[in-house]
Amino acid sequence: MGVSEASAALERMGYLPAVEALQILNDLHEDSATRALSSTGRQRLDRLIPMVLAEAGRVSQPLTALRRLAELIRAVERRTSYLALLLEYPAALSHLVKLADASPWIASLLAQHPVLLDELLDPRTLYRPPSREALTAEIGRRLGRAPDEDLEAQIEALCIFKQINVLRVAAADVSGRLPLMRVSDFLSDIAEVTINVVVDLAWCHLVERHGLPECRLDGVPCERGFGVIAYGKLGGLELGYGSDLDLVFLHTA
């Protein structure tokens, strides 16, 4: 297909101006990561791009969505299993395109953490942030799969837990299924549940390395004598997607 034919086809799909869409596709084609793909990876990408173009052509801003999706593909394409996932599950691709169209932040999050693409497979959980109780149960299950002595694996499990659940909040938010005033509540729940578990992990590793500390509060022995106080956005239950956690640690030692 020549340039003029390609431009005409892109215009019919909603990409205006088509020359910009062609440039996005050409930049992806010439990217070093794309050129380094195996033959299997290149075949998967060649099959995926027409599907991406068709889906992105249906959203409100096709050109913007295509640009964001090209960045995401560039970030994940060397792990060709993710290309296979989107090929095998067109519904997941549809959710991806809609989220990328609605939010550059979500597109960036998925590009930085491709493991989150698995969450696109089940819209029942993708657009439904879990309750605090469900978060507590989920984080327990994830940590249960990490060896007790492997702190690195435990931290990785916590990171994945946080990323997955923030994605669920963001997906529910941009799709209109979650009232704006509830977003900070869910983000605060994720933060508090994570902090509670981090305190437990830190305590266990401290005791294992240094022994059980002696703590007294007003002269009375206590088990830990340690607390975490939230200030700022978390203290006011006003967390946003990019908020830091302002914390103060108190101890009786």
C-alpha atoms as a PDB file:
ATOM      1  CA  MET A   1       0.000   0.000   0.000  1.00  0.00           C
ATOM      2  CA  GLY A   2       1.398   3.368  -1.048  1.00  0.00           C
ATOM      3  CA  VAL A   3       1.553   6.488   1.119  1.00  0.00           C
ATOM      4  CA  SER A   4      -1.484   8.082  -0.515  1.00  0.00           C
ATOM      5  CA  GLU A   5      -3.547   4.913  -0.120  1.00  0.00           C
ATOM      6  CA  ALA A   6      -2.441   4.545   3.491  1.00  0.00           C
ATOM      7  CA  SER A   7      -3.345   8.170   4.195  1.00  0.00           C
ATOM      8  CA  ALA A   8      -6.776   7.751   2.653  1.00  0.00           C
ATOM      9  CA  ALA A   9      -7.399   4.589   4.697  1.00  0.00           C
ATOM     10  CA  LEU A  10      -6.345   6.330   7.925  1.00  0.00           C
ATOM     11  CA  GLU A  11      -8.584   9.312   7.167  1.00  0.00           C
ATOM     12  CA  ARG A  12     -11.553   6.989   6.706  1.00  0.00           C
ATOM     13  CA  MET A  13     -10.782   5.518  10.123  1.00  0.00           C
ATOM     14  CA  GLY A  14     -10.853   8.958  11.729  1.00  0.00           C
ATOM     15  CA  TYR A  15      -7.169   9.874  11.892  1.00  0.00           C
ATOM     16  CA  LEU A  16      -6.907  13.532  11.014  1.00  0.00           C
ATOM     17  CA  PRO A  17      -4.470  14.667   9.835  1.00  0.00           C
ATOM     18  CA  ALA A  18      -3.481  11.273   8.466  1.00  0.00           C
ATOM     19  CA  VAL A  19       0.115  12.399   7.964  1.00  0.00           C
ATOM     20  CA  GLU A  20       0.559  12.538  11.747  1.00  0.00           C
ATOM     21  CA  ALA A  21      -0.785   9.020  12.159  1.00  0.00           C
ATOM     22  CA  LEU A  22       1.615   7.828   9.451  1.00  0.00           C
ATOM     23  CA  GLN A  23       4.490   9.476  11.290  1.00  0.00           C
ATOM     24  CA  ILE A  24       3.526   7.771  14.561  1.00  0.00           C
ATOM     25  CA  LEU A  25       3.428   4.387  12.829  1.00  0.00           C
ATOM     26  CA  ASN A  26       6.706   5.027  11.005  1.00  0.00           C
ATOM     27  CA  ASP A  27       8.454   6.081  14.227  1.00  0.00           C
ATOM     28  CA  LEU A  28       7.286   2.876  15.875  1.00  0.00           C
ATOM     29  CA  HIS A  29       8.413   0.821  12.880  1.00  0.00           C
ATOM     30  CA  GLU A  30      11.877   2.398  12.915  1.00  0.00           C
ATOM     31  CA  ASP A  31      12.337   2.302  16.695  1.00  0.00           C
ATOM     32  CA  SER A  32      15.384   0.336  17.838  1.00  0.00           C
ATOM     33  CA  ALA A  33      13.244  -1.902  20.077  1.00  0.00           C
ATOM     34  CA  THR A  34      10.989  -2.751  17.128  1.00  0.00           C
ATOM     35  CA  ARG A  35      13.905  -3.440  14.819  1.00  0.00           C
ATOM     36  CA  ALA A  36      15.401  -5.778  17.422  1.00  0.00           C
ATOM     37  CA  LEU A  37      12.270  -7.933  17.643  1.00  0.00           C
ATOM     38  CA  SER A  38      12.458 -11.607  16.819  1.00  0.00           C
ATOM     39  CA  SER A  39      10.580 -12.834  13.788  1.00  0.00           C
ATOM     40  CA  THR A  40       7.804 -14.086  16.087  1.00  0.00           C
ATOM     41  CA  GLY A  41       7.611 -10.721  17.819  1.00  0.00           C
ATOM     42  CA  ARG A  42       7.501  -8.870  14.493  1.00  0.00           C
ATOM     43  CA  GLN A  43       4.709 -11.120  13.242  1.00  0.00           C
ATOM     44  CA  ARG A  44       2.704 -10.479  16.384  1.00  0.00           C
ATOM     45  CA  LEU A  45       3.234  -6.720  16.091  1.00  0.00           C
ATOM     46  CA  ASP A  46       2.248  -6.748  12.416  1.00  0.00           C
ATOM     47  CA  ARG A  47      -1.006  -8.484  13.350  1.00  0.00           C
ATOM     48  CA  LEU A  48      -1.645  -6.213  16.330  1.00  0.00           C
ATOM     49  CA  ILE A  49      -1.207  -2.811  14.652  1.00  0.00           C
ATOM     50  CA  PRO A  50      -4.295  -3.090  12.384  1.00  0.00           C
ATOM     51  CA  MET A  51      -6.353  -4.108  15.425  1.00  0.00           C
ATOM     52  CA  VAL A  52      -5.019  -1.107  17.368  1.00  0.00           C
ATOM     53  CA  LEU A  53      -5.815   1.223  14.480  1.00  0.00           C
ATOM     54  CA  ALA A  54      -9.369  -0.106  14.218  1.00  0.00           C
ATOM     55  CA  GLU A  55     -10.020   0.216  17.963  1.00  0.00           C
ATOM     56  CA  ALA A  56      -8.383   3.629  18.353  1.00  0.00           C
ATOM     57  CA  GLY A  57     -10.327   4.903  15.359  1.00  0.00           C
ATOM     58  CA  ARG A  58     -13.527   4.459  17.364  1.00  0.00           C
ATOM     59  CA  VAL A  59     -12.610   6.633  20.355  1.00  0.00           C
ATOM     60  CA  SER A  60     -13.089  10.360  20.792  1.00  0.00           C
ATOM     61  CA  GLN A  61      -9.501  11.338  19.924  1.00  0.00           C
ATOM     62  CA  PRO A  62      -8.061   8.672  17.602  1.00  0.00           C
ATOM     63  CA  LEU A  63      -4.765  10.438  16.930  1.00  0.00           C
ATOM     64  CA  THR A  64      -4.094  11.125  20.609  1.00  0.00           C
ATOM     65  CA  ALA A  65      -4.992   7.563  21.553  1.00  0.00           C
ATOM     66  CA  LEU A  66      -2.741   6.169  18.805  1.00  0.00           C
ATOM     67  CA  ARG A  67       0.180   8.260  20.025  1.00  0.00           C
ATOM     68  CA  ARG A  68      -0.235   7.003  23.591  1.00  0.00           C
ATOM     69  CA  LEU A  69      -0.678   3.404  22.449  1.00  0.00           C
ATOM     70  CA  ALA A  70       2.434   3.580  20.286  1.00  0.00           C
ATOM     71  CA  GLU A  71       4.441   4.672  23.332  1.00  0.00           C
ATOM     72  CA  LEU A  72       3.005   1.806  25.337  1.00  0.00           C
ATOM     73  CA  ILE A  73       3.747  -0.732  22.588  1.00  0.00           C
ATOM     74  CA  ARG A  74       7.291   0.609  22.329  1.00  0.00           C
ATOM     75  CA  ALA A  75       7.728   0.036  26.059  1.00  0.00           C
ATOM     76  CA  VAL A  76       6.395  -3.545  26.142  1.00  0.00           C
ATOM     77  CA  GLU A  77       7.047  -5.009  22.706  1.00  0.00           C
ATOM     78  CA  ARG A  78      10.264  -6.804  23.627  1.00  0.00           C
ATOM     79  CA  ARG A  79       8.184  -8.913  25.988  1.00  0.00           C
ATOM     80  CA  THR A  80       6.233 -10.371  23.128  1.00  0.00           C
ATOM     81  CA  SER A  81       3.957 -12.285  25.498  1.00  0.00           C
ATOM     82  CA  TYR A  82       2.146  -8.991  26.088  1.00  0.00           C
ATOM     83  CA  LEU A  83       1.593  -8.592  22.345  1.00  0.00           C
ATOM     84  CA  ALA A  84       0.233 -12.140  22.326  1.00  0.00           C
ATOM     85  CA  LEU A  85      -2.102 -11.306  25.210  1.00  0.00           C
ATOM     86  CA  LEU A  86      -3.649  -8.399  23.295  1.00  0.00           C
ATOM     87  CA  LEU A  87      -3.941 -10.507  20.156  1.00  0.00           C
ATOM     88  CA  GLU A  88      -5.586 -13.378  21.969  1.00  0.00           C
ATOM     89  CA  TYR A  89      -8.020 -11.222  23.949  1.00  0.00           C
ATOM     90  CA  PRO A  90      -9.507  -8.470  21.749  1.00  0.00           C
ATOM     91  CA  ALA A  91     -11.701  -7.349  24.653  1.00  0.00           C
ATOM     92  CA  ALA A  92      -8.545  -6.561  26.647  1.00  0.00           C
ATOM     93  CA  LEU A  93      -7.276  -4.487  23.741  1.00  0.00           C
ATOM     94  CA  SER A  94     -10.596  -2.636  23.630  1.00  0.00           C
ATOM     95  CA  HIS A  95     -10.319  -1.763  27.327  1.00  0.00           C
ATOM     96  CA  LEU A  96      -6.699  -0.681  26.822  1.00  0.00           C
ATOM     97  CA  VAL A  97      -7.597   1.675  23.978  1.00  0.00           C
ATOM     98  CA  LYS A  98     -10.477   3.242  25.894  1.00  0.00           C
ATOM     99  CA  LEU A  99      -8.337   3.807  28.978  1.00  0.00           C
ATOM    100  CA  ALA A 100      -5.481   5.250  26.910  1.00  0.00           C
ATOM    101  CA  ASP A 101      -7.928   7.597  25.207  1.00  0.00           C
ATOM    102  CA  ALA A 102      -9.368   8.720  28.540  1.00  0.00           C
ATOM    103  CA  SER A 103      -6.145   9.171  30.486  1.00  0.00           C
ATOM    104  CA  PRO A 104      -2.500   9.760  29.537  1.00  0.00           C
ATOM    105  CA  TRP A 105      -1.643   8.895  33.146  1.00  0.00           C
ATOM    106  CA  ILE A 106      -3.147   5.404  32.835  1.00  0.00           C
ATOM    107  CA  ALA A 107      -1.359   4.847  29.524  1.00  0.00           C
ATOM    108  CA  SER A 108       1.920   5.846  31.182  1.00  0.00           C
ATOM    109  CA  LEU A 109       1.229   3.605  34.197  1.00  0.00           C
ATOM    110  CA  LEU A 110       0.655   0.597  31.944  1.00  0.00           C
ATOM    111  CA  ALA A 111       3.798   1.367  29.937  1.00  0.00           C
ATOM    112  CA  GLN A 112       5.878   1.543  33.115  1.00  0.00           C
ATOM    113  CA  HIS A 113       4.332  -1.595  34.621  1.00  0.00           C
ATOM    114  CA  PRO A 114       3.329  -3.984  31.801  1.00  0.00           C
ATOM    115  CA  VAL A 115       2.338  -6.652  34.336  1.00  0.00           C
ATOM    116  CA  LEU A 116      -0.814  -4.573  34.827  1.00  0.00           C
ATOM    117  CA  LEU A 117      -1.997  -5.506  31.341  1.00  0.00           C
ATOM    118  CA  ASP A 118      -3.224  -8.782  32.842  1.00  0.00           C
ATOM    119  CA  GLU A 119      -5.831  -6.743  34.724  1.00  0.00           C
ATOM    120  CA  LEU A 120      -7.495  -5.848  31.423  1.00  0.00           C
ATOM    121  CA  LEU A 121      -8.672  -9.441  31.057  1.00  0.00           C
ATOM    122  CA  ASP A 122     -11.427  -9.160  33.671  1.00  0.00           C
ATOM    123  CA  PRO A 123     -13.641  -6.050  33.511  1.00  0.00           C
ATOM    124  CA  ARG A 124     -15.475  -7.247  36.639  1.00  0.00           C
ATOM    125  CA  THR A 125     -12.435  -6.325  38.740  1.00  0.00           C
ATOM    126  CA  LEU A 126     -10.877  -3.709  36.457  1.00  0.00           C
ATOM    127  CA  TYR A 127     -13.652  -1.167  37.016  1.00  0.00           C
ATOM    128  CA  ARG A 128     -14.525  -2.120  40.588  1.00  0.00           C
ATOM    129  CA  PRO A 129     -12.029  -1.022  43.266  1.00  0.00           C
ATOM    130  CA  PRO A 130     -12.120  -3.445  46.206  1.00  0.00           C
ATOM    131  CA  SER A 131     -13.263  -2.560  49.698  1.00  0.00           C
ATOM    132  CA  ARG A 132     -10.779  -2.106  52.519  1.00  0.00           C
ATOM    133  CA  GLU A 133     -11.547  -5.627  53.750  1.00  0.00           C
ATOM    134  CA  ALA A 134     -10.967  -7.061  50.289  1.00  0.00           C
ATOM    135  CA  LEU A 135      -7.696  -5.130  50.003  1.00  0.00           C
ATOM    136  CA  THR A 136      -6.508  -6.610  53.301  1.00  0.00           C
ATOM    137  CA  ALA A 137      -7.353 -10.121  52.108  1.00  0.00           C
ATOM    138  CA  GLU A 138      -5.693  -9.575  48.736  1.00  0.00           C
ATOM    139  CA  ILE A 139      -2.446  -8.221  50.159  1.00  0.00           C
ATOM    140  CA  GLY A 140      -2.334 -11.184  52.521  1.00  0.00           C
ATOM    141  CA  ARG A 141      -2.672 -13.624  49.616  1.00  0.00           C
ATOM    142  CA  ARG A 142       0.057 -11.897  47.639  1.00  0.00           C
ATOM    143  CA  LEU A 143       2.487 -11.873  50.534  1.00  0.00           C
ATOM    144  CA  GLY A 144       1.597 -15.471  51.284  1.00  0.00           C
ATOM    145  CA  ARG A 145       3.143 -16.438  47.939  1.00  0.00           C
ATOM    146  CA  ALA A 146       6.457 -14.753  48.843  1.00  0.00           C
ATOM    147  CA  PRO A 147       8.974 -16.588  51.078  1.00  0.00           C
ATOM    148  CA  ASP A 148       9.089 -15.200  54.619  1.00  0.00           C
ATOM    149  CA  GLU A 149      12.845 -14.659  54.431  1.00  0.00           C
ATOM    150  CA  ASP A 150      12.804 -12.962  51.004  1.00  0.00           C
ATOM    151  CA  LEU A 151      12.297  -9.264  51.710  1.00  0.00           C
ATOM    152  CA  GLU A 152      12.861  -8.334  48.059  1.00  0.00           C
ATOM    153  CA  ALA A 153      10.058 -10.629  46.925  1.00  0.00           C
ATOM    154  CA  GLN A 154       7.774  -9.232  49.625  1.00  0.00           C
ATOM    155  CA  ILE A 155       8.473  -5.654  48.527  1.00  0.00           C
ATOM    156  CA  GLU A 156       7.813  -6.601  44.898  1.00  0.00           C
ATOM    157  CA  ALA A 157       4.491  -8.152  45.926  1.00  0.00           C
ATOM    158  CA  LEU A 158       3.561  -4.913  47.735  1.00  0.00           C
ATOM    159  CA  CYS A 159       4.467  -2.824  44.687  1.00  0.00           C
ATOM    160  CA  ILE A 160       2.337  -4.963  42.363  1.00  0.00           C
ATOM    161  CA  PHE A 161      -0.535  -4.846  44.864  1.00  0.00           C
ATOM    162  CA  LYS A 162      -0.399  -1.050  44.953  1.00  0.00           C
ATOM    163  CA  GLN A 163      -0.115  -0.634  41.168  1.00  0.00           C
ATOM    164  CA  ILE A 164      -2.963  -3.031  40.400  1.00  0.00           C
ATOM    165  CA  ASN A 165      -5.361  -1.408  42.808  1.00  0.00           C
ATOM    166  CA  VAL A 166      -4.506   2.142  41.783  1.00  0.00           C
ATOM    167  CA  LEU A 167      -5.201   1.063  38.188  1.00  0.00           C
ATOM    168  CA  ARG A 168      -8.607  -0.248  39.282  1.00  0.00           C
ATOM    169  CA  VAL A 169      -9.431   3.067  40.933  1.00  0.00           C
ATOM    170  CA  ALA A 170      -8.265   5.037  37.899  1.00  0.00           C
ATOM    171  CA  ALA A 171     -10.202   2.825  35.471  1.00  0.00           C
ATOM    172  CA  ALA A 172     -13.392   3.199  37.516  1.00  0.00           C
ATOM    173  CA  ASP A 173     -12.728   6.932  37.765  1.00  0.00           C
ATOM    174  CA  VAL A 174     -12.227   7.719  34.065  1.00  0.00           C
ATOM    175  CA  SER A 175     -15.073   5.413  33.022  1.00  0.00           C
ATOM    176  CA  GLY A 176     -17.483   7.338  35.251  1.00  0.00           C
ATOM    177  CA  ARG A 177     -18.239   4.330  37.460  1.00  0.00           C
ATOM    178  CA  LEU A 178     -16.700   5.936  40.544  1.00  0.00           C
ATOM    179  CA  PRO A 179     -17.760   9.350  41.878  1.00  0.00           C
ATOM    180  CA  LEU A 180     -14.864  11.805  42.019  1.00  0.00           C
ATOM    181  CA  MET A 181     -15.287  12.321  45.758  1.00  0.00           C
ATOM    182  CA  ARG A 182     -14.763   8.595  46.350  1.00  0.00           C
ATOM    183  CA  VAL A 183     -11.437   8.391  44.503  1.00  0.00           C
ATOM    184  CA  SER A 184      -9.401   9.751  47.412  1.00  0.00           C
ATOM    185  CA  ASP A 185     -11.177   7.360  49.797  1.00  0.00           C
ATOM    186  CA  PHE A 186     -10.110   4.314  47.793  1.00  0.00           C
ATOM    187  CA  LEU A 187      -6.554   5.619  47.300  1.00  0.00           C
ATOM    188  CA  SER A 188      -6.297   6.273  51.041  1.00  0.00           C
ATOM    189  CA  ASP A 189      -7.483   2.734  51.772  1.00  0.00           C
ATOM    190  CA  ILE A 190      -4.760   1.330  49.501  1.00  0.00           C
ATOM    191  CA  ALA A 191      -2.135   3.446  51.253  1.00  0.00           C
ATOM    192  CA  GLU A 192      -3.267   2.564  54.772  1.00  0.00           C
ATOM    193  CA  VAL A 193      -3.532  -1.164  54.094  1.00  0.00           C
ATOM    194  CA  THR A 194      -0.056  -1.112  52.556  1.00  0.00           C
ATOM    195  CA  ILE A 195       1.444   0.850  55.464  1.00  0.00           C
ATOM    196  CA  ASN A 196      -0.062  -1.555  57.993  1.00  0.00           C
ATOM    197  CA  VAL A 197       1.578  -4.485  56.232  1.00  0.00           C
ATOM    198  CA  VAL A 198       4.904  -2.669  55.843  1.00  0.00           C
ATOM    199  CA  VAL A 199       4.981  -2.015  59.600  1.00  0.00           C
ATOM    200  CA  ASP A 200       4.410  -5.728  60.250  1.00  0.00           C
ATOM    201  CA  LEU A 201       7.137  -6.738  57.787  1.00  0.00           C
ATOM    202  CA  ALA A 202       9.586  -4.203  59.191  1.00  0.00           C
ATOM    203  CA  TRP A 203       8.884  -5.429  62.738  1.00  0.00           C
ATOM    204  CA  CYS A 204       9.491  -9.070  61.804  1.00  0.00           C
ATOM    205  CA  HIS A 205      12.768  -8.303  60.058  1.00  0.00           C
ATOM    206  CA  LEU A 206      13.885  -6.058  62.925  1.00  0.00           C
ATOM    207  CA  VAL A 207      13.226  -8.735  65.529  1.00  0.00           C
ATOM    208  CA  GLU A 208      14.907 -11.404  63.432  1.00  0.00           C
ATOM    209  CA  ARG A 209      18.057  -9.325  63.054  1.00  0.00           C
ATOM    210  CA  HIS A 210      18.306  -7.549  66.426  1.00  0.00           C
ATOM    211  CA  GLY A 211      16.001  -9.375  68.795  1.00  0.00           C
ATOM    212  CA  LEU A 212      12.835  -8.180  70.512  1.00  0.00           C
ATOM    213  CA  PRO A 213      13.183  -4.566  71.714  1.00  0.00           C
ATOM    214  CA  GLU A 214      11.962  -3.537  75.152  1.00  0.00           C
ATOM    215  CA  CYS A 215       9.261  -0.883  74.914  1.00  0.00           C
ATOM    216  CA  ARG A 216       7.367   0.932  77.646  1.00  0.00           C
ATOM    217  CA  LEU A 217       4.585   3.468  77.411  1.00  0.00           C
ATOM    218  CA  ASP A 218       4.000   5.486  80.584  1.00  0.00           C
ATOM    219  CA  GLY A 219       6.019   2.876  82.427  1.00  0.00           C
ATOM    220  CA  VAL A 220       3.889  -0.019  81.192  1.00  0.00           C
ATOM    221  CA  PRO A 221       5.513  -2.640  78.889  1.00  0.00           C
ATOM    222  CA  CYS A 222       4.031  -2.728  75.397  1.00  0.00           C
ATOM    223  CA  GLU A 223       4.614  -5.033  72.451  1.00  0.00           C
ATOM    224  CA  ARG A 224       5.920  -2.571  69.887  1.00  0.00           C
ATOM    225  CA  GLY A 225       5.703   1.000  71.075  1.00  0.00           C
ATOM    226  CA  PHE A 226       5.732   2.170  67.473  1.00  0.00           C
ATOM    227  CA  GLY A 227       3.193   4.111  65.443  1.00  0.00           C
ATOM    228  CA  VAL A 228       2.843   5.729  62.021  1.00  0.00           C
ATOM    229  CA  ILE A 229       1.035   9.062  61.813  1.00  0.00           C
ATOM    230  CA  ALA A 230      -0.223  10.303  58.445  1.00  0.00           C
ATOM    231  CA  TYR A 231       0.005  13.999  57.617  1.00  0.00           C
ATOM    232  CA  GLY A 232      -0.812  15.944  54.475  1.00  0.00           C
ATOM    233  CA  LYS A 233      -3.108  14.440  51.867  1.00  0.00           C
ATOM    234  CA  LEU A 234      -3.246  11.014  53.474  1.00  0.00           C
ATOM    235  CA  GLY A 235      -3.932  12.475  56.904  1.00  0.00           C
ATOM    236  CA  GLY A 236      -6.862  14.393  55.406  1.00  0.00           C
ATOM    237  CA  LEU A 237      -8.032  11.439  53.267  1.00  0.00           C
ATOM    238  CA  GLU A 238      -7.450  13.546  50.159  1.00  0.00           C
ATOM    239  CA  LEU A 239      -4.925  11.433  48.279  1.00  0.00           C
ATOM    240  CA  GLY A 240      -4.562  11.883  44.524  1.00  0.00           C
ATOM    241  CA  TYR A 241      -2.855   9.630  42.009  1.00  0.00           C
ATOM    242  CA  GLY A 242       0.446  11.475  42.267  1.00  0.00           C
ATOM    243  CA  SER A 243       0.386  12.234  45.987  1.00  0.00           C
ATOM    244  CA  ASP A 244       3.338  11.482  48.227  1.00  0.00           C
ATOM    245  CA  LEU A 245       2.831   9.949  51.641  1.00  0.00           C
ATOM    246  CA  ASP A 246       3.766  12.388  54.416  1.00  0.00           C
ATOM    247  CA  LEU A 247       4.406  10.176  57.432  1.00  0.00           C
ATOM    248  CA  VAL A 248       5.790  10.666  60.941  1.00  0.00           C
ATOM    249  CA  PHE A 249       7.089   7.707  62.945  1.00  0.00           C
ATOM    250  CA  LEU A 250       6.716   7.649  66.723  1.00  0.00           C
ATOM    251  CA  HIS A 251       8.427   5.209  69.088  1.00  0.00           C
ATOM    252  CA  THR A 252       8.916   4.730  72.793  1.00  0.00           C
ATOM    253  CA  ALA A 253      12.441   3.293  72.755  1.00  0.00           C
END
